[in-house]
Amino acid sequence: MAIGQVTAIHRYPVKSLIGETLASTKLTERGLPGDRAWAVRDEVRGGIRGGKKLPGLMELSAHYEKPPQDQGSSAAVITLPDGSALSTTDADAGARIGKAIGHEVSLWPLLPADALDHYRRGAPTHEDFEQEMRALFGRAKDEPLPDLTIFPPEVLEFESPPGTYFDAFPLLILSRQSLAHMQGLAPDSRFDVRRFRPNLVVDVPDAGPFPELAWRKKRIRIGSAVIELTVECPRCVMTTHGFSDLPKDPTVMRSLVKHAKGNLGVYGRVETAGEVRTDDAIELLD
């Protein structure tokens, strides 16, 4: 029995850059082909970095001019804030991105999973571990930090699971009901989907708030793909940054902590590869 449907599909060719909206996509064990296939490396403090540390990246966007390969890093087009464009394969791509965000970076395709030094975390901004975590997750001194033990252990040592540029898992699913519920609780903020970078936005009619959280540890079928849902998504400081027409808004995190334990959306992995389209029905298998 259908419990909902897909209303939007999003892919992000470069980690932390604004992505593109698709009408359909394949899902493989690595998620959407071409999703987070590129990332920038901080040439000042080391390590692969995203919008948590380099919020200027969120002012750039990326898209593919032709469908990317299922694996690896196909060439993508990056649009800078001034409207100029470059290819991810351009020799000066990193330098131009660095100039645009005011920080020295290089641009990298995916490397093999055994290139561990490439994926290892760079130097922290703060020497105190708790202060570093509060900065990364946008948490005030009186707010609890997220429980990171829900993640695979390699996420604590590496910026992403080696061989990928995902934060933790290859898919993120977010419901319209969760966004609408938070918007109602925080009417002065903008709970715009662009702040939260989901791959699949879903509609679950007649459900209460945060319906996707009920799918944790269960499987759903969308189109011909089967997805195993894993854990809730603890939100980070990226959700509060300003970019495009969205203002900087730390109260987004205050509201998430107060009403949703700082979480929004659910992570997943692909159990059975297949094709997914907007308007596809969602079937709960477990």
C-alpha atoms as a PDB file:
ATOM      1  CA  MET A   1       0.000   0.000   0.000  1.00  0.00           C
ATOM      2  CA  ALA A   2       1.319   3.419  -0.934  1.00  0.00           C
ATOM      3  CA  ILE A   3       2.026   5.667   2.044  1.00  0.00           C
ATOM      4  CA  GLY A   4       3.273   8.683   0.111  1.00  0.00           C
ATOM      5  CA  GLN A   5       5.020   9.840  -3.024  1.00  0.00           C
ATOM      6  CA  VAL A   6       8.201  11.529  -4.222  1.00  0.00           C
ATOM      7  CA  THR A   7       7.735  15.227  -4.947  1.00  0.00           C
ATOM      8  CA  ALA A   8      11.304  16.268  -5.799  1.00  0.00           C
ATOM      9  CA  ILE A   9      14.709  14.733  -6.561  1.00  0.00           C
ATOM     10  CA  HIS A  10      17.900  16.686  -5.894  1.00  0.00           C
ATOM     11  CA  ARG A  11      21.521  15.976  -6.794  1.00  0.00           C
ATOM     12  CA  TYR A  12      24.607  17.901  -5.657  1.00  0.00           C
ATOM     13  CA  PRO A  13      27.560  17.359  -8.025  1.00  0.00           C
ATOM     14  CA  VAL A  14      29.987  19.190  -5.706  1.00  0.00           C
ATOM     15  CA  LYS A  15      29.781  18.803  -1.938  1.00  0.00           C
ATOM     16  CA  SER A  16      28.136  21.849  -0.285  1.00  0.00           C
ATOM     17  CA  LEU A  17      27.395  23.667  -3.541  1.00  0.00           C
ATOM     18  CA  ILE A  18      23.814  24.334  -4.626  1.00  0.00           C
ATOM     19  CA  GLY A  19      22.707  21.383  -6.742  1.00  0.00           C
ATOM     20  CA  GLU A  20      20.210  20.531  -9.449  1.00  0.00           C
ATOM     21  CA  THR A  21      16.658  19.181  -9.558  1.00  0.00           C
ATOM     22  CA  LEU A  22      15.895  16.036 -11.581  1.00  0.00           C
ATOM     23  CA  ALA A  23      12.736  14.484 -12.961  1.00  0.00           C
ATOM     24  CA  SER A  24      14.160  10.978 -12.565  1.00  0.00           C
ATOM     25  CA  THR A  25      17.341   9.185 -11.574  1.00  0.00           C
ATOM     26  CA  LYS A  26      18.900   5.805 -11.148  1.00  0.00           C
ATOM     27  CA  LEU A  27      19.702   4.768  -7.599  1.00  0.00           C
ATOM     28  CA  THR A  28      22.750   2.568  -7.083  1.00  0.00           C
ATOM     29  CA  GLU A  29      24.562   1.413  -3.958  1.00  0.00           C
ATOM     30  CA  ARG A  30      26.376   4.779  -4.119  1.00  0.00           C
ATOM     31  CA  GLY A  31      23.109   6.711  -4.231  1.00  0.00           C
ATOM     32  CA  LEU A  32      22.358   9.038  -7.153  1.00  0.00           C
ATOM     33  CA  PRO A  33      24.995   8.823  -9.896  1.00  0.00           C
ATOM     34  CA  GLY A  34      27.085  11.984  -9.727  1.00  0.00           C
ATOM     35  CA  ASP A  35      25.915  13.033  -6.274  1.00  0.00           C
ATOM     36  CA  ARG A  36      28.763  14.565  -4.214  1.00  0.00           C
ATOM     37  CA  ALA A  37      31.259  13.381  -6.820  1.00  0.00           C
ATOM     38  CA  TRP A  38      33.542  16.382  -6.219  1.00  0.00           C
ATOM     39  CA  ALA A  39      34.686  18.263  -3.124  1.00  0.00           C
ATOM     40  CA  VAL A  40      37.105  20.996  -2.134  1.00  0.00           C
ATOM     41  CA  ARG A  41      40.135  20.529   0.067  1.00  0.00           C
ATOM     42  CA  ASP A  42      41.185  23.242   2.502  1.00  0.00           C
ATOM     43  CA  GLU A  43      44.744  24.156   1.567  1.00  0.00           C
ATOM     44  CA  VAL A  44      45.179  26.194   4.772  1.00  0.00           C
ATOM     45  CA  ARG A  45      44.117  23.721   7.488  1.00  0.00           C
ATOM     46  CA  GLY A  46      43.976  20.550   5.425  1.00  0.00           C
ATOM     47  CA  GLY A  47      41.178  18.079   4.869  1.00  0.00           C
ATOM     48  CA  ILE A  48      38.122  17.897   2.648  1.00  0.00           C
ATOM     49  CA  ARG A  49      35.801  20.722   3.679  1.00  0.00           C
ATOM     50  CA  GLY A  50      32.202  21.692   3.111  1.00  0.00           C
ATOM     51  CA  GLY A  51      29.854  24.463   4.094  1.00  0.00           C
ATOM     52  CA  LYS A  52      30.283  23.831   7.807  1.00  0.00           C
ATOM     53  CA  LYS A  53      33.758  25.347   7.648  1.00  0.00           C
ATOM     54  CA  LEU A  54      33.595  27.229   4.338  1.00  0.00           C
ATOM     55  CA  PRO A  55      30.093  28.741   4.095  1.00  0.00           C
ATOM     56  CA  GLY A  56      31.043  30.680   0.974  1.00  0.00           C
ATOM     57  CA  LEU A  57      30.765  27.410  -0.954  1.00  0.00           C
ATOM     58  CA  MET A  58      27.000  27.595  -0.526  1.00  0.00           C
ATOM     59  CA  GLU A  59      26.886  30.624  -2.841  1.00  0.00           C
ATOM     60  CA  LEU A  60      28.176  28.509  -5.757  1.00  0.00           C
ATOM     61  CA  SER A  61      26.134  26.024  -7.752  1.00  0.00           C
ATOM     62  CA  ALA A  62      26.912  22.973  -9.867  1.00  0.00           C
ATOM     63  CA  HIS A  63      25.174  20.894 -12.512  1.00  0.00           C
ATOM     64  CA  TYR A  64      25.907  18.291 -15.175  1.00  0.00           C
ATOM     65  CA  GLU A  65      25.516  19.110 -18.842  1.00  0.00           C
ATOM     66  CA  LYS A  66      25.114  15.422 -19.638  1.00  0.00           C
ATOM     67  CA  PRO A  67      24.253  12.446 -17.415  1.00  0.00           C
ATOM     68  CA  PRO A  68      27.181  11.453 -15.184  1.00  0.00           C
ATOM     69  CA  GLN A  69      28.609   7.970 -15.021  1.00  0.00           C
ATOM     70  CA  ASP A  70      27.313   5.660 -12.287  1.00  0.00           C
ATOM     71  CA  GLN A  71      30.699   5.703 -10.557  1.00  0.00           C
ATOM     72  CA  GLY A  72      33.599   8.098 -10.320  1.00  0.00           C
ATOM     73  CA  SER A  73      33.563  11.832 -10.996  1.00  0.00           C
ATOM     74  CA  SER A  74      32.190  12.988 -14.326  1.00  0.00           C
ATOM     75  CA  ALA A  75      32.836  16.576 -15.370  1.00  0.00           C
ATOM     76  CA  ALA A  76      30.371  19.098 -13.938  1.00  0.00           C
ATOM     77  CA  VAL A  77      29.841  22.822 -14.485  1.00  0.00           C
ATOM     78  CA  ILE A  78      30.279  25.191 -11.536  1.00  0.00           C
ATOM     79  CA  THR A  79      28.694  28.632 -11.567  1.00  0.00           C
ATOM     80  CA  LEU A  80      30.417  31.262  -9.410  1.00  0.00           C
ATOM     81  CA  PRO A  81      28.595  34.074  -7.576  1.00  0.00           C
ATOM     82  CA  ASP A  82      29.506  36.553 -10.329  1.00  0.00           C
ATOM     83  CA  GLY A  83      27.751  34.358 -12.902  1.00  0.00           C
ATOM     84  CA  SER A  84      30.900  33.039 -14.572  1.00  0.00           C
ATOM     85  CA  ALA A  85      31.232  29.312 -15.136  1.00  0.00           C
ATOM     86  CA  LEU A  86      34.010  26.734 -15.057  1.00  0.00           C
ATOM     87  CA  SER A  87      34.399  23.012 -15.446  1.00  0.00           C
ATOM     88  CA  THR A  88      35.433  20.797 -12.557  1.00  0.00           C
ATOM     89  CA  THR A  89      38.171  19.497 -14.856  1.00  0.00           C
ATOM     90  CA  ASP A  90      39.704  22.949 -15.498  1.00  0.00           C
ATOM     91  CA  ALA A  91      43.273  23.203 -14.247  1.00  0.00           C
ATOM     92  CA  ASP A  92      42.495  26.465 -12.435  1.00  0.00           C
ATOM     93  CA  ALA A  93      39.138  25.331 -10.983  1.00  0.00           C
ATOM     94  CA  GLY A  94      40.391  25.226  -7.386  1.00  0.00           C
ATOM     95  CA  ALA A  95      42.063  28.620  -7.654  1.00  0.00           C
ATOM     96  CA  ARG A  96      38.912  30.235  -9.053  1.00  0.00           C
ATOM     97  CA  ILE A  97      36.735  28.705  -6.349  1.00  0.00           C
ATOM     98  CA  GLY A  98      39.223  29.841  -3.706  1.00  0.00           C
ATOM     99  CA  LYS A  99      39.170  33.392  -5.047  1.00  0.00           C
ATOM    100  CA  ALA A 100      35.368  33.394  -5.046  1.00  0.00           C
ATOM    101  CA  ILE A 101      35.107  32.309  -1.394  1.00  0.00           C
ATOM    102  CA  GLY A 102      38.194  34.097  -0.091  1.00  0.00           C
ATOM    103  CA  HIS A 103      39.997  30.956   1.072  1.00  0.00           C
ATOM    104  CA  GLU A 104      42.695  28.834  -0.551  1.00  0.00           C
ATOM    105  CA  VAL A 105      41.248  25.509  -1.709  1.00  0.00           C
ATOM    106  CA  SER A 106      41.768  22.823  -4.330  1.00  0.00           C
ATOM    107  CA  LEU A 107      39.059  20.821  -6.117  1.00  0.00           C
ATOM    108  CA  TRP A 108      39.141  17.030  -6.081  1.00  0.00           C
ATOM    109  CA  PRO A 109      37.315  14.136  -7.727  1.00  0.00           C
ATOM    110  CA  LEU A 110      36.595  11.016  -5.735  1.00  0.00           C
ATOM    111  CA  LEU A 111      39.707   9.033  -4.850  1.00  0.00           C
ATOM    112  CA  PRO A 112      39.825   5.307  -4.013  1.00  0.00           C
ATOM    113  CA  ALA A 113      38.684   4.272  -0.547  1.00  0.00           C
ATOM    114  CA  ASP A 114      42.222   3.302   0.420  1.00  0.00           C
ATOM    115  CA  ALA A 115      43.485   6.882  -0.044  1.00  0.00           C
ATOM    116  CA  LEU A 116      42.899   7.397   3.657  1.00  0.00           C
ATOM    117  CA  ASP A 117      45.009  10.516   4.091  1.00  0.00           C
ATOM    118  CA  HIS A 118      42.862  12.276   1.502  1.00  0.00           C
ATOM    119  CA  TYR A 119      39.695  11.642   3.516  1.00  0.00           C
ATOM    120  CA  ARG A 120      41.179  12.218   6.973  1.00  0.00           C
ATOM    121  CA  ARG A 121      39.852  15.238   8.863  1.00  0.00           C
ATOM    122  CA  GLY A 122      41.869  18.443   8.716  1.00  0.00           C
ATOM    123  CA  ALA A 123      43.055  20.503  11.651  1.00  0.00           C
ATOM    124  CA  PRO A 124      40.193  21.727  13.870  1.00  0.00           C
ATOM    125  CA  THR A 125      39.422  25.412  14.166  1.00  0.00           C
ATOM    126  CA  HIS A 126      39.167  25.175  17.962  1.00  0.00           C
ATOM    127  CA  GLU A 127      41.566  23.271  20.225  1.00  0.00           C
ATOM    128  CA  ASP A 128      38.761  22.433  22.656  1.00  0.00           C
ATOM    129  CA  PHE A 129      36.803  19.450  21.296  1.00  0.00           C
ATOM    130  CA  GLU A 130      33.456  20.532  22.696  1.00  0.00           C
ATOM    131  CA  GLN A 131      33.849  24.036  21.296  1.00  0.00           C
ATOM    132  CA  GLU A 132      34.713  22.548  17.908  1.00  0.00           C
ATOM    133  CA  MET A 133      31.610  20.338  17.960  1.00  0.00           C
ATOM    134  CA  ARG A 134      29.362  23.213  18.993  1.00  0.00           C
ATOM    135  CA  ALA A 135      30.696  25.308  16.126  1.00  0.00           C
ATOM    136  CA  LEU A 136      30.194  22.488  13.601  1.00  0.00           C
ATOM    137  CA  PHE A 137      26.667  21.737  14.741  1.00  0.00           C
ATOM    138  CA  GLY A 138      25.635  25.314  15.485  1.00  0.00           C
ATOM    139  CA  ARG A 139      24.726  24.480  19.091  1.00  0.00           C
ATOM    140  CA  ALA A 140      24.531  27.011  21.914  1.00  0.00           C
ATOM    141  CA  LYS A 141      26.285  26.329  25.240  1.00  0.00           C
ATOM    142  CA  ASP A 142      23.064  25.191  26.902  1.00  0.00           C
ATOM    143  CA  GLU A 143      22.028  22.864  24.048  1.00  0.00           C
ATOM    144  CA  PRO A 144      22.949  19.179  23.863  1.00  0.00           C
ATOM    145  CA  LEU A 145      25.332  18.013  21.177  1.00  0.00           C
ATOM    146  CA  PRO A 146      24.095  15.320  18.780  1.00  0.00           C
ATOM    147  CA  ASP A 147      24.753  11.683  19.551  1.00  0.00           C
ATOM    148  CA  LEU A 148      27.482  10.830  17.057  1.00  0.00           C
ATOM    149  CA  THR A 149      27.561   7.163  18.076  1.00  0.00           C
ATOM    150  CA  ILE A 150      24.664   6.575  15.666  1.00  0.00           C
ATOM    151  CA  PHE A 151      27.117   6.991  12.782  1.00  0.00           C
ATOM    152  CA  PRO A 152      29.593   4.450  11.415  1.00  0.00           C
ATOM    153  CA  PRO A 153      32.862   4.775  13.383  1.00  0.00           C
ATOM    154  CA  GLU A 154      34.896   5.921  10.367  1.00  0.00           C
ATOM    155  CA  VAL A 155      32.868   9.160  10.251  1.00  0.00           C
ATOM    156  CA  LEU A 156      34.593  10.297  13.435  1.00  0.00           C
ATOM    157  CA  GLU A 157      38.072   9.892  11.951  1.00  0.00           C
ATOM    158  CA  PHE A 158      37.375  10.887   8.365  1.00  0.00           C
ATOM    159  CA  GLU A 159      35.513  13.818   6.855  1.00  0.00           C
ATOM    160  CA  SER A 160      33.381  11.280   4.963  1.00  0.00           C
ATOM    161  CA  PRO A 161      33.334   7.494   4.600  1.00  0.00           C
ATOM    162  CA  PRO A 162      36.491   6.870   2.523  1.00  0.00           C
ATOM    163  CA  GLY A 163      35.727   6.594  -1.161  1.00  0.00           C
ATOM    164  CA  THR A 164      32.784   9.017  -0.872  1.00  0.00           C
ATOM    165  CA  TYR A 165      32.060  12.658  -0.098  1.00  0.00           C
ATOM    166  CA  PHE A 166      28.827  11.918   1.782  1.00  0.00           C
ATOM    167  CA  ASP A 167      28.555  13.059   5.380  1.00  0.00           C
ATOM    168  CA  ALA A 168      27.557   9.567   6.470  1.00  0.00           C
ATOM    169  CA  PHE A 169      25.168   7.731   4.104  1.00  0.00           C
ATOM    170  CA  PRO A 170      24.453   8.019   0.354  1.00  0.00           C
ATOM    171  CA  LEU A 171      20.819   9.158   0.617  1.00  0.00           C
ATOM    172  CA  LEU A 172      18.917  11.766   2.610  1.00  0.00           C
ATOM    173  CA  ILE A 173      15.109  11.784   2.603  1.00  0.00           C
ATOM    174  CA  LEU A 174      13.047  14.691   3.924  1.00  0.00           C
ATOM    175  CA  SER A 175       9.271  15.048   4.039  1.00  0.00           C
ATOM    176  CA  ARG A 176       7.211  18.104   3.191  1.00  0.00           C
ATOM    177  CA  GLN A 177       5.393  17.488   6.466  1.00  0.00           C
ATOM    178  CA  SER A 178       8.594  17.928   8.491  1.00  0.00           C
ATOM    179  CA  LEU A 179       9.406  21.211   6.770  1.00  0.00           C
ATOM    180  CA  ALA A 180       5.836  22.501   7.151  1.00  0.00           C
ATOM    181  CA  HIS A 181       5.711  21.495  10.819  1.00  0.00           C
ATOM    182  CA  MET A 182       8.944  23.325  11.620  1.00  0.00           C
ATOM    183  CA  GLN A 183       7.830  26.358   9.610  1.00  0.00           C
ATOM    184  CA  GLY A 184       4.668  26.513  11.686  1.00  0.00           C
ATOM    185  CA  LEU A 185       6.652  26.352  14.914  1.00  0.00           C
ATOM    186  CA  ALA A 186       9.127  29.030  13.763  1.00  0.00           C
ATOM    187  CA  PRO A 187       7.175  31.415  11.502  1.00  0.00           C
ATOM    188  CA  ASP A 188       9.883  34.084  11.573  1.00  0.00           C
ATOM    189  CA  SER A 189      12.448  31.704  10.039  1.00  0.00           C
ATOM    190  CA  ARG A 190      12.501  30.228   6.537  1.00  0.00           C
ATOM    191  CA  PHE A 191      12.522  26.455   6.596  1.00  0.00           C
ATOM    192  CA  ASP A 192      13.359  26.355   2.915  1.00  0.00           C
ATOM    193  CA  VAL A 193      14.293  22.953   1.491  1.00  0.00           C
ATOM    194  CA  ARG A 194      17.519  24.450   0.109  1.00  0.00           C
ATOM    195  CA  ARG A 195      18.903  24.753   3.638  1.00  0.00           C
ATOM    196  CA  PHE A 196      18.679  21.002   4.214  1.00  0.00           C
ATOM    197  CA  ARG A 197      20.095  19.385   1.029  1.00  0.00           C
ATOM    198  CA  PRO A 198      17.869  16.290   0.729  1.00  0.00           C
ATOM    199  CA  ASN A 199      18.119  13.891  -2.195  1.00  0.00           C
ATOM    200  CA  LEU A 200      14.440  12.939  -2.089  1.00  0.00           C
ATOM    201  CA  VAL A 201      11.613  15.167  -0.893  1.00  0.00           C
ATOM    202  CA  VAL A 202       8.506  13.142  -0.117  1.00  0.00           C
ATOM    203  CA  ASP A 203       4.875  13.822   0.668  1.00  0.00           C
ATOM    204  CA  VAL A 204       3.214  11.621   3.307  1.00  0.00           C
ATOM    205  CA  PRO A 205      -0.448  12.659   3.479  1.00  0.00           C
ATOM    206  CA  ASP A 206      -2.406  12.300   6.707  1.00  0.00           C
ATOM    207  CA  ALA A 207       0.817  11.802   8.671  1.00  0.00           C
ATOM    208  CA  GLY A 208       1.888  13.633  11.777  1.00  0.00           C
ATOM    209  CA  PRO A 209       5.096  15.656  12.078  1.00  0.00           C
ATOM    210  CA  PHE A 210       8.369  14.012  11.013  1.00  0.00           C
ATOM    211  CA  PRO A 211       6.771  10.953   9.356  1.00  0.00           C
ATOM    212  CA  GLU A 212      10.035   9.814   7.762  1.00  0.00           C
ATOM    213  CA  LEU A 213      11.504   9.123  11.204  1.00  0.00           C
ATOM    214  CA  ALA A 214       9.016   6.268  11.578  1.00  0.00           C
ATOM    215  CA  TRP A 215      10.818   4.561   8.695  1.00  0.00           C
ATOM    216  CA  ARG A 216      14.140   4.203  10.546  1.00  0.00           C
ATOM    217  CA  LYS A 217      15.485   0.638  10.436  1.00  0.00           C
ATOM    218  CA  LYS A 218      12.821  -0.203   7.844  1.00  0.00           C
ATOM    219  CA  ARG A 219      12.759  -0.531   4.065  1.00  0.00           C
ATOM    220  CA  ILE A 220      10.750   1.339   1.475  1.00  0.00           C
ATOM    221  CA  ARG A 221      10.229   0.758  -2.240  1.00  0.00           C
ATOM    222  CA  ILE A 222      10.217   3.711  -4.623  1.00  0.00           C
ATOM    223  CA  GLY A 223       9.884   2.892  -8.304  1.00  0.00           C
ATOM    224  CA  SER A 224      12.058  -0.172  -8.826  1.00  0.00           C
ATOM    225  CA  ALA A 225      14.513   0.701  -6.030  1.00  0.00           C
ATOM    226  CA  VAL A 226      14.470  -0.539  -2.447  1.00  0.00           C
ATOM    227  CA  ILE A 227      15.923   1.768   0.201  1.00  0.00           C
ATOM    228  CA  GLU A 228      16.935   0.844   3.733  1.00  0.00           C
ATOM    229  CA  LEU A 229      16.464   3.757   6.124  1.00  0.00           C
ATOM    230  CA  THR A 230      19.161   4.017   8.765  1.00  0.00           C
ATOM    231  CA  VAL A 231      19.261   6.912  11.259  1.00  0.00           C
ATOM    232  CA  GLU A 232      17.916  10.410  11.703  1.00  0.00           C
ATOM    233  CA  CYS A 233      19.995  13.308  10.342  1.00  0.00           C
ATOM    234  CA  PRO A 234      21.535  15.525  13.058  1.00  0.00           C
ATOM    235  CA  ARG A 235      21.629  18.998  11.555  1.00  0.00           C
ATOM    236  CA  CYS A 236      24.735  21.173  11.431  1.00  0.00           C
ATOM    237  CA  VAL A 237      25.541  24.861  11.243  1.00  0.00           C
ATOM    238  CA  MET A 238      25.096  24.815   7.442  1.00  0.00           C
ATOM    239  CA  THR A 239      21.331  25.053   7.938  1.00  0.00           C
ATOM    240  CA  THR A 240      21.775  28.499   9.500  1.00  0.00           C
ATOM    241  CA  HIS A 241      24.046  30.069   6.868  1.00  0.00           C
ATOM    242  CA  GLY A 242      22.777  32.676   4.468  1.00  0.00           C
ATOM    243  CA  PHE A 243      23.065  32.091   0.717  1.00  0.00           C
ATOM    244  CA  SER A 244      21.152  33.090  -2.407  1.00  0.00           C
ATOM    245  CA  ASP A 245      18.053  34.858  -1.064  1.00  0.00           C
ATOM    246  CA  LEU A 246      18.086  33.042   2.290  1.00  0.00           C
ATOM    247  CA  PRO A 247      19.321  35.087   5.269  1.00  0.00           C
ATOM    248  CA  LYS A 248      21.747  33.906   7.901  1.00  0.00           C
ATOM    249  CA  ASP A 249      19.485  32.638  10.696  1.00  0.00           C
ATOM    250  CA  PRO A 250      20.824  30.919  13.842  1.00  0.00           C
ATOM    251  CA  THR A 251      17.238  30.601  15.114  1.00  0.00           C
ATOM    252  CA  VAL A 252      16.759  27.787  12.598  1.00  0.00           C
ATOM    253  CA  MET A 253      18.973  25.646  14.820  1.00  0.00           C
ATOM    254  CA  ARG A 254      17.400  26.959  18.019  1.00  0.00           C
ATOM    255  CA  SER A 255      14.026  25.783  16.709  1.00  0.00           C
ATOM    256  CA  LEU A 256      15.361  22.420  15.538  1.00  0.00           C
ATOM    257  CA  VAL A 257      16.940  21.716  18.919  1.00  0.00           C
ATOM    258  CA  LYS A 258      13.823  22.794  20.813  1.00  0.00           C
ATOM    259  CA  HIS A 259      11.288  20.903  18.740  1.00  0.00           C
ATOM    260  CA  ALA A 260      13.158  18.109  16.921  1.00  0.00           C
ATOM    261  CA  LYS A 261      16.250  17.306  19.017  1.00  0.00           C
ATOM    262  CA  GLY A 262      18.292  19.033  16.314  1.00  0.00           C
ATOM    263  CA  ASN A 263      17.328  16.459  13.668  1.00  0.00           C
ATOM    264  CA  LEU A 264      15.516  16.755  10.343  1.00  0.00           C
ATOM    265  CA  GLY A 265      15.193  14.022   7.743  1.00  0.00           C
ATOM    266  CA  VAL A 266      16.420  10.441   7.675  1.00  0.00           C
ATOM    267  CA  TYR A 267      19.472   8.846   6.067  1.00  0.00           C
ATOM    268  CA  GLY A 268      19.316   5.770   3.901  1.00  0.00           C
ATOM    269  CA  ARG A 269      21.253   3.359   1.728  1.00  0.00           C
ATOM    270  CA  VAL A 270      20.189   1.579  -1.446  1.00  0.00           C
ATOM    271  CA  GLU A 271      19.451  -2.106  -0.949  1.00  0.00           C
ATOM    272  CA  THR A 272      18.191  -2.785  -4.489  1.00  0.00           C
ATOM    273  CA  ALA A 273      19.249  -0.535  -7.357  1.00  0.00           C
ATOM    274  CA  GLY A 274      16.523   0.884  -9.567  1.00  0.00           C
ATOM    275  CA  GLU A 275      14.926   3.899 -11.215  1.00  0.00           C
ATOM    276  CA  VAL A 276      13.102   6.613  -9.246  1.00  0.00           C
ATOM    277  CA  ARG A 277      10.893   9.373 -10.673  1.00  0.00           C
ATOM    278  CA  THR A 278       9.005  12.293  -9.228  1.00  0.00           C
ATOM    279  CA  ASP A 279       5.432  11.279  -8.374  1.00  0.00           C
ATOM    280  CA  ASP A 280       6.528   7.689  -7.752  1.00  0.00           C
ATOM    281  CA  ALA A 281       4.618   6.057  -4.915  1.00  0.00           C
ATOM    282  CA  ILE A 282       6.376   5.053  -1.692  1.00  0.00           C
ATOM    283  CA  GLU A 283       5.633   1.586  -0.343  1.00  0.00           C
ATOM    284  CA  LEU A 284       6.623   0.594   3.197  1.00  0.00           C
ATOM    285  CA  LEU A 285       7.987  -2.961   3.096  1.00  0.00           C
ATOM    286  CA  ASP A 286       8.634  -3.651   6.797  1.00  0.00           C
END
